[in-house]
Protein backbone atom coordinates (compact mmCIF):
# COMPACT_ATOMS: atom_id res chain seq x y z
CA MET A 1 106.52 136.27 43.85
CA LYS A 2 104.39 138.55 46.05
CA ASN A 3 101.44 136.20 45.51
CA TYR A 4 103.44 133.30 46.99
CA ILE A 5 104.34 135.41 50.01
CA TYR A 6 100.69 136.31 50.61
CA ILE A 7 99.65 132.67 50.27
CA PHE A 8 102.34 131.59 52.76
CA ILE A 9 101.28 134.27 55.25
CA GLY A 10 97.65 133.20 54.86
CA ILE A 11 98.46 129.56 55.55
CA CYS A 12 100.44 130.48 58.69
CA PHE A 13 97.56 132.64 59.92
CA LEU A 14 95.03 129.85 59.42
CA SER A 15 97.37 127.38 61.14
CA LEU A 16 97.71 129.62 64.17
CA GLN A 17 93.97 130.13 64.30
CA SER A 18 93.37 126.37 64.28
CA CYS A 19 95.87 125.74 67.10
CA ASP A 20 93.71 127.04 69.90
CA GLU A 21 92.95 125.01 73.04
CA ASP A 22 89.83 123.39 71.58
CA SER A 23 91.87 121.86 68.76
CA PHE A 24 93.67 119.60 71.23
CA THR A 25 90.77 118.65 73.46
CA GLN A 26 87.83 116.38 72.94
CA THR A 27 84.81 115.90 75.15
CA VAL A 28 83.53 112.35 75.39
CA ASP A 29 80.40 111.35 77.28
CA ILE A 30 80.93 108.11 79.23
CA ASP A 31 77.92 106.12 80.29
CA ILE A 32 78.69 105.00 83.87
CA PRO A 33 76.61 101.88 84.62
CA ASP A 34 74.59 101.69 87.80
CA HIS A 35 76.56 100.23 90.69
CA GLU A 36 75.12 97.48 92.86
CA SER A 37 76.79 97.80 96.25
CA ARG A 38 78.17 94.53 97.62
CA LEU A 39 80.11 93.51 100.68
CA ALA A 40 83.82 94.35 100.46
CA ILE A 41 85.73 92.13 102.89
CA SER A 42 89.30 91.09 103.58
CA GLY A 43 91.17 88.84 105.99
CA ILE A 44 94.46 86.92 106.09
CA VAL A 45 94.96 83.77 108.18
CA SER A 46 98.56 83.43 109.38
CA ASN A 47 100.36 81.24 111.90
CA ARG A 48 102.66 84.17 112.67
CA ASN A 49 100.10 86.30 114.46
CA PRO A 50 97.79 85.07 117.27
CA PHE A 51 95.30 87.70 116.16
CA MET A 52 93.54 88.07 112.81
CA GLN A 53 92.11 91.34 111.55
CA THR A 54 89.19 91.49 109.16
CA ILE A 55 87.78 94.46 107.25
CA VAL A 56 84.08 94.55 106.38
CA SER A 57 82.68 97.39 104.32
CA ALA A 58 80.57 97.93 101.19
CA SER A 59 81.64 98.63 97.63
CA GLN A 60 81.05 102.05 96.08
CA SER A 61 80.57 103.50 92.63
CA ILE A 62 83.61 104.93 90.88
CA LEU A 63 82.05 108.39 91.27
CA ASP A 64 81.51 108.12 95.04
CA ILE A 65 83.80 110.42 97.02
CA GLU A 66 82.55 109.66 100.51
CA SER A 67 84.35 107.35 102.91
CA ALA A 68 83.54 103.66 102.69
CA PRO A 69 80.22 103.04 104.44
CA GLN A 70 79.98 101.04 107.64
CA VAL A 71 77.95 97.86 107.44
CA SER A 72 75.49 97.34 110.28
CA ASN A 73 74.14 94.08 111.70
CA LYS A 74 76.96 92.05 110.20
CA ASN A 75 77.71 88.46 111.09
CA ILE A 76 81.31 87.25 110.59
CA GLN A 77 82.38 83.63 110.66
CA ILE A 78 85.93 82.33 110.22
CA LEU A 79 86.02 78.55 110.25
CA VAL A 80 88.84 76.01 110.34
CA ASN A 81 87.57 72.60 109.24
CA GLY A 82 84.08 73.68 110.26
CA GLU A 83 85.10 74.98 113.71
CA SER A 84 85.37 78.64 114.73
CA ILE A 85 88.91 80.02 114.50
CA GLY A 86 88.38 82.04 117.69
CA ASN A 87 86.44 84.85 119.29
CA GLU A 88 86.11 88.47 118.23
CA VAL A 89 88.01 90.54 120.81
CA ALA A 90 87.90 94.07 119.35
CA GLU A 91 86.12 96.22 116.79
CA ASN A 92 86.88 99.67 115.43
CA GLY A 93 84.67 100.97 112.64
CA ASN A 94 85.01 98.59 109.69
CA ALA A 95 87.81 96.57 111.34
CA GLN A 96 87.42 93.57 113.63
CA VAL A 97 90.07 91.56 115.49
CA PHE A 98 89.75 87.84 116.25
CA GLU A 99 91.91 85.87 118.63
CA VAL A 100 93.14 82.74 116.84
CA THR A 101 92.69 79.90 119.33
CA THR A 102 92.63 77.03 116.83
CA ASP A 103 95.82 75.21 115.81
CA LEU A 104 96.53 75.66 112.11
CA ASN A 105 97.84 72.71 110.11
CA ALA A 106 98.72 72.17 106.46
CA GLY A 107 95.67 71.21 104.44
CA ASP A 108 93.11 72.76 106.82
CA GLU A 109 90.03 74.12 105.06
CA LEU A 110 89.51 77.80 105.90
CA ILE A 111 86.16 79.53 105.33
CA PHE A 112 85.46 83.26 105.61
CA GLU A 113 81.76 84.16 105.60
CA VAL A 114 80.16 87.57 106.15
CA SER A 115 76.45 88.34 106.00
CA ALA A 116 74.67 91.64 106.60
CA ASP A 117 71.29 93.26 106.14
CA ASN A 118 70.60 94.25 102.51
CA TYR A 119 73.79 92.58 101.25
CA GLY A 120 73.29 88.84 101.54
CA GLN A 121 76.31 86.64 102.20
CA ALA A 122 79.87 87.00 100.89
CA ARG A 123 82.12 83.97 101.13
CA SER A 124 85.58 82.60 100.31
CA THR A 125 87.49 79.36 100.92
CA GLN A 126 91.22 78.71 101.25
CA VAL A 127 93.49 75.79 102.14
CA PHE A 128 96.17 76.46 104.75
CA PRO A 129 99.63 75.98 103.16
CA SER A 130 102.36 73.71 104.45
CA SER A 131 105.49 74.84 106.29
CA ILE A 132 108.56 75.29 104.08
CA SER A 133 112.03 74.70 105.50
CA VAL A 134 115.06 76.92 105.00
CA SER A 135 118.10 74.73 104.40
CA ASP A 136 120.77 77.47 104.26
CA PHE A 137 120.85 80.97 105.71
CA GLU A 138 124.12 82.93 105.50
CA TYR A 139 125.18 86.54 106.00
CA GLU A 140 128.45 88.30 105.18
CA GLU A 141 129.07 91.92 106.05
CA ASP A 142 130.52 93.88 103.10
CA GLY A 143 130.35 90.69 101.06
CA ILE A 144 129.26 92.37 97.81
CA ILE A 145 130.69 95.24 95.76
CA ASP A 146 127.99 96.90 93.67
CA VAL A 147 128.32 98.57 90.25
CA ASN A 148 129.28 101.87 91.92
CA GLY A 149 132.14 100.27 93.82
CA ASP A 150 130.33 100.46 97.17
CA THR A 151 130.30 97.54 99.57
CA ARG A 152 127.01 95.94 100.52
CA ASN A 153 126.12 93.17 102.93
CA GLU A 154 125.42 89.79 101.33
CA ILE A 155 122.51 87.53 102.32
CA ASN A 156 122.15 84.00 100.95
CA ILE A 157 119.17 81.79 101.65
CA SER A 158 118.02 78.43 100.25
CA ILE A 159 114.55 76.92 100.42
CA ASP A 160 113.44 73.33 99.90
CA ASP A 161 110.56 73.52 97.45
CA PRO A 162 108.03 70.64 97.50
CA ALA A 163 107.77 68.73 94.23
CA ASN A 164 104.75 68.16 91.96
CA GLU A 165 102.76 71.16 93.15
CA ASP A 166 102.62 74.88 92.49
CA ASN A 167 104.02 76.88 95.39
CA PHE A 168 104.01 80.61 96.10
CA TYR A 169 106.27 82.55 98.43
CA SER A 170 106.92 85.83 100.16
CA LEU A 171 110.28 86.66 101.77
CA TRP A 172 111.59 89.58 103.81
CA PHE A 173 114.31 90.26 106.39
CA GLU A 174 114.56 92.07 109.69
CA TYR A 175 117.47 93.14 111.91
CA VAL A 176 117.09 92.77 115.68
CA TYR A 177 119.46 94.64 118.04
CA TYR A 178 120.18 93.98 121.70
CA LYS A 179 121.63 96.81 123.79
CA ASP A 180 121.78 96.36 127.58
CA GLN A 181 118.20 95.40 128.45
CA ASN A 182 116.67 96.93 125.32
CA ILE A 183 115.58 95.22 122.11
CA TYR A 184 114.82 97.09 118.92
CA SER A 185 114.50 96.15 115.27
CA GLU A 186 114.31 97.53 111.73
CA PHE A 187 113.36 96.18 108.34
CA SER A 188 116.07 95.22 105.92
CA TYR A 189 116.35 97.18 102.67
CA ALA A 190 117.57 94.18 100.72
CA GLU A 191 117.72 94.04 96.93
CA THR A 192 118.06 91.22 94.44
CA SER A 193 118.45 90.75 90.70
CA GLY A 194 116.70 87.38 90.78
CA VAL A 195 114.48 86.59 87.80
CA GLY A 196 110.71 86.39 88.31
CA ILE A 197 110.71 88.12 91.70
CA ASN A 198 108.20 90.86 92.46
CA GLU A 199 109.50 93.37 95.00
CA GLN A 200 107.92 96.22 96.90
CA TYR A 201 109.19 97.80 100.09
CA SER A 202 111.80 95.03 100.39
CA GLU A 203 109.22 92.23 100.37
CA PHE A 204 109.97 89.66 97.68
CA VAL A 205 107.11 87.63 96.18
CA PHE A 206 107.73 84.76 93.74
CA SER A 207 106.54 81.33 92.63
CA ASP A 208 108.38 78.06 92.04
CA GLY A 209 107.59 78.07 88.32
CA THR A 210 111.30 77.86 87.40
CA PHE A 211 112.55 75.58 90.21
CA ASN A 212 109.68 73.25 91.15
CA GLY A 213 110.73 70.46 93.49
CA THR A 214 114.33 71.56 93.95
CA LYS A 215 116.52 73.32 96.50
CA HIS A 216 116.47 76.93 95.38
CA SER A 217 119.06 79.53 96.43
CA LEU A 218 118.48 83.28 96.53
CA ARG A 219 121.10 86.01 96.88
CA PHE A 220 120.49 89.51 98.23
CA SER A 221 122.51 92.65 98.83
CA ASP A 222 121.69 94.94 101.72
CA TYR A 223 122.56 98.31 103.23
CA ILE A 224 124.61 98.65 106.39
CA TRP A 225 122.71 97.45 109.43
CA ASN A 226 122.44 99.52 112.62
CA SER A 227 122.08 102.75 110.66
CA ASN A 228 119.97 104.49 113.32
CA ALA A 229 121.11 102.90 116.55
CA GLU A 230 123.92 102.95 119.05
CA GLU A 231 126.55 100.24 118.88
CA PRO A 232 124.59 97.14 120.00
CA ASP A 233 125.80 94.32 122.18
CA SER A 234 124.53 91.74 119.68
CA VAL A 235 122.71 91.70 116.34
CA PHE A 236 120.54 89.07 114.69
CA ILE A 237 119.09 88.95 111.21
CA LYS A 238 115.74 87.21 110.79
CA SER A 239 114.22 85.79 107.62
CA TYR A 240 110.45 85.53 107.22
CA LEU A 241 109.57 82.99 104.53
CA SER A 242 105.83 82.76 103.90
CA HIS A 243 104.26 79.90 101.99
CA LEU A 244 101.27 81.70 100.43
CA SER A 245 97.92 80.42 99.25
CA GLU A 246 97.55 80.91 95.50
CA ASP A 247 94.93 83.65 95.84
CA TYR A 248 97.06 85.58 98.32
CA TYR A 249 100.02 85.37 95.93
CA TYR A 250 98.02 86.76 92.99
CA TYR A 251 96.59 89.47 95.21
CA LYS A 252 100.06 90.55 96.32
CA THR A 253 101.58 90.56 92.82
CA SER A 254 98.64 92.38 91.24
CA TYR A 255 98.57 94.93 94.06
CA PHE A 256 102.31 95.55 93.57
CA GLN A 257 101.67 96.18 89.87
CA TYR A 258 98.71 98.43 90.67
CA SER A 259 100.82 100.51 93.07
CA GLN A 260 103.64 100.87 90.55
CA ALA A 261 101.19 102.02 87.85
CA GLN A 262 99.83 104.88 89.94
CA GLY A 263 100.69 108.26 88.46
CA ASN A 264 102.03 106.73 85.24
CA PRO A 265 99.88 107.85 82.28
CA PHE A 266 101.46 105.20 80.03
CA ALA A 267 100.87 102.21 82.33
CA GLU A 268 98.34 99.54 81.46
CA PRO A 269 95.31 99.36 83.79
CA VAL A 270 95.76 96.76 86.53
CA ILE A 271 92.92 94.76 88.05
CA VAL A 272 93.77 93.70 91.60
CA HIS A 273 93.01 90.01 92.17
CA ASP A 274 90.09 89.17 94.45
CA ASN A 275 88.38 85.92 95.45
CA ILE A 276 85.16 86.78 97.29
CA GLU A 277 81.92 85.17 96.12
CA ASN A 278 79.02 87.65 95.99
CA GLY A 279 81.35 90.47 97.02
CA TYR A 280 84.79 92.01 96.63
CA GLY A 281 88.08 91.68 98.47
CA ILE A 282 90.66 89.09 99.41
CA PHE A 283 90.81 86.11 101.74
CA GLY A 284 94.25 84.55 101.93
CA ALA A 285 96.47 82.33 104.04
CA GLU A 286 100.16 82.08 104.82
CA ASN A 287 102.36 79.66 106.73
CA VAL A 288 105.41 81.59 107.93
CA THR A 289 108.80 80.03 108.71
CA ILE A 290 111.09 82.29 110.76
CA ASP A 291 114.84 81.73 110.92
CA SER A 292 117.34 83.74 112.94
CA LEU A 293 121.08 84.17 112.44
CA ARG A 294 123.45 85.95 114.83
CA ILE A 295 125.78 88.29 112.93
CA LYS A 296 127.41 90.12 115.85
């Protein structure tokens, strides 16, 4: 019997000895390939803003810890059907601002070209999307009771989706308050349980894959408006419906997924969509339809 006790004690001792820190760690040498720096550029063409901002920098190795380098002697061209979109009016480091002086119409060919010493030319092409109409836009204060028994505001909106083509959308809401001679606004914190909708910071991104060519209705619940303001004289809610280019849609959805995966050790790696030839980044386009509804 004593022999069994000694054997048991010996096994426990060996087990404890083997459970040191090195038993649970493993060192693996990873061969990091050489990185060829390329232009990293981004720009979004929108009918909502009379100014367009571009970012021009250079890509870095995964091991680089310095700030993104500034690119010198760069030449930026943004063309609409072969004509310049407008003039550069400001520059700050890697960012440039162009005044959009060209009318934008559905089907316009948009070209974004950047060239710089030692980097060659990076380029991308988009087609400006069409305008999408909102057929219904309704708001009801305290129109929804949630699962906790709390009342929420109800927002209903319907869009007329063009048939026989793939369409991609972004939607968000804003409250605008009028008090005496002052105007102030705040983003809506709307929520929805709609299927196939990507949401981040109350921006909803979706495609027409399940409703192509039909009138499609969306329902949202929202927090109480005017949470940080005095009692206003009047209140409006605005909807911003963006008809996105396909590349811009995939960039937004992949970036949402990338952001949600940060800090999660069990998440799958996410590659953010880009569409720049001979470089990295995103060039996209959106045609924004804005509707306003007075609710007070």
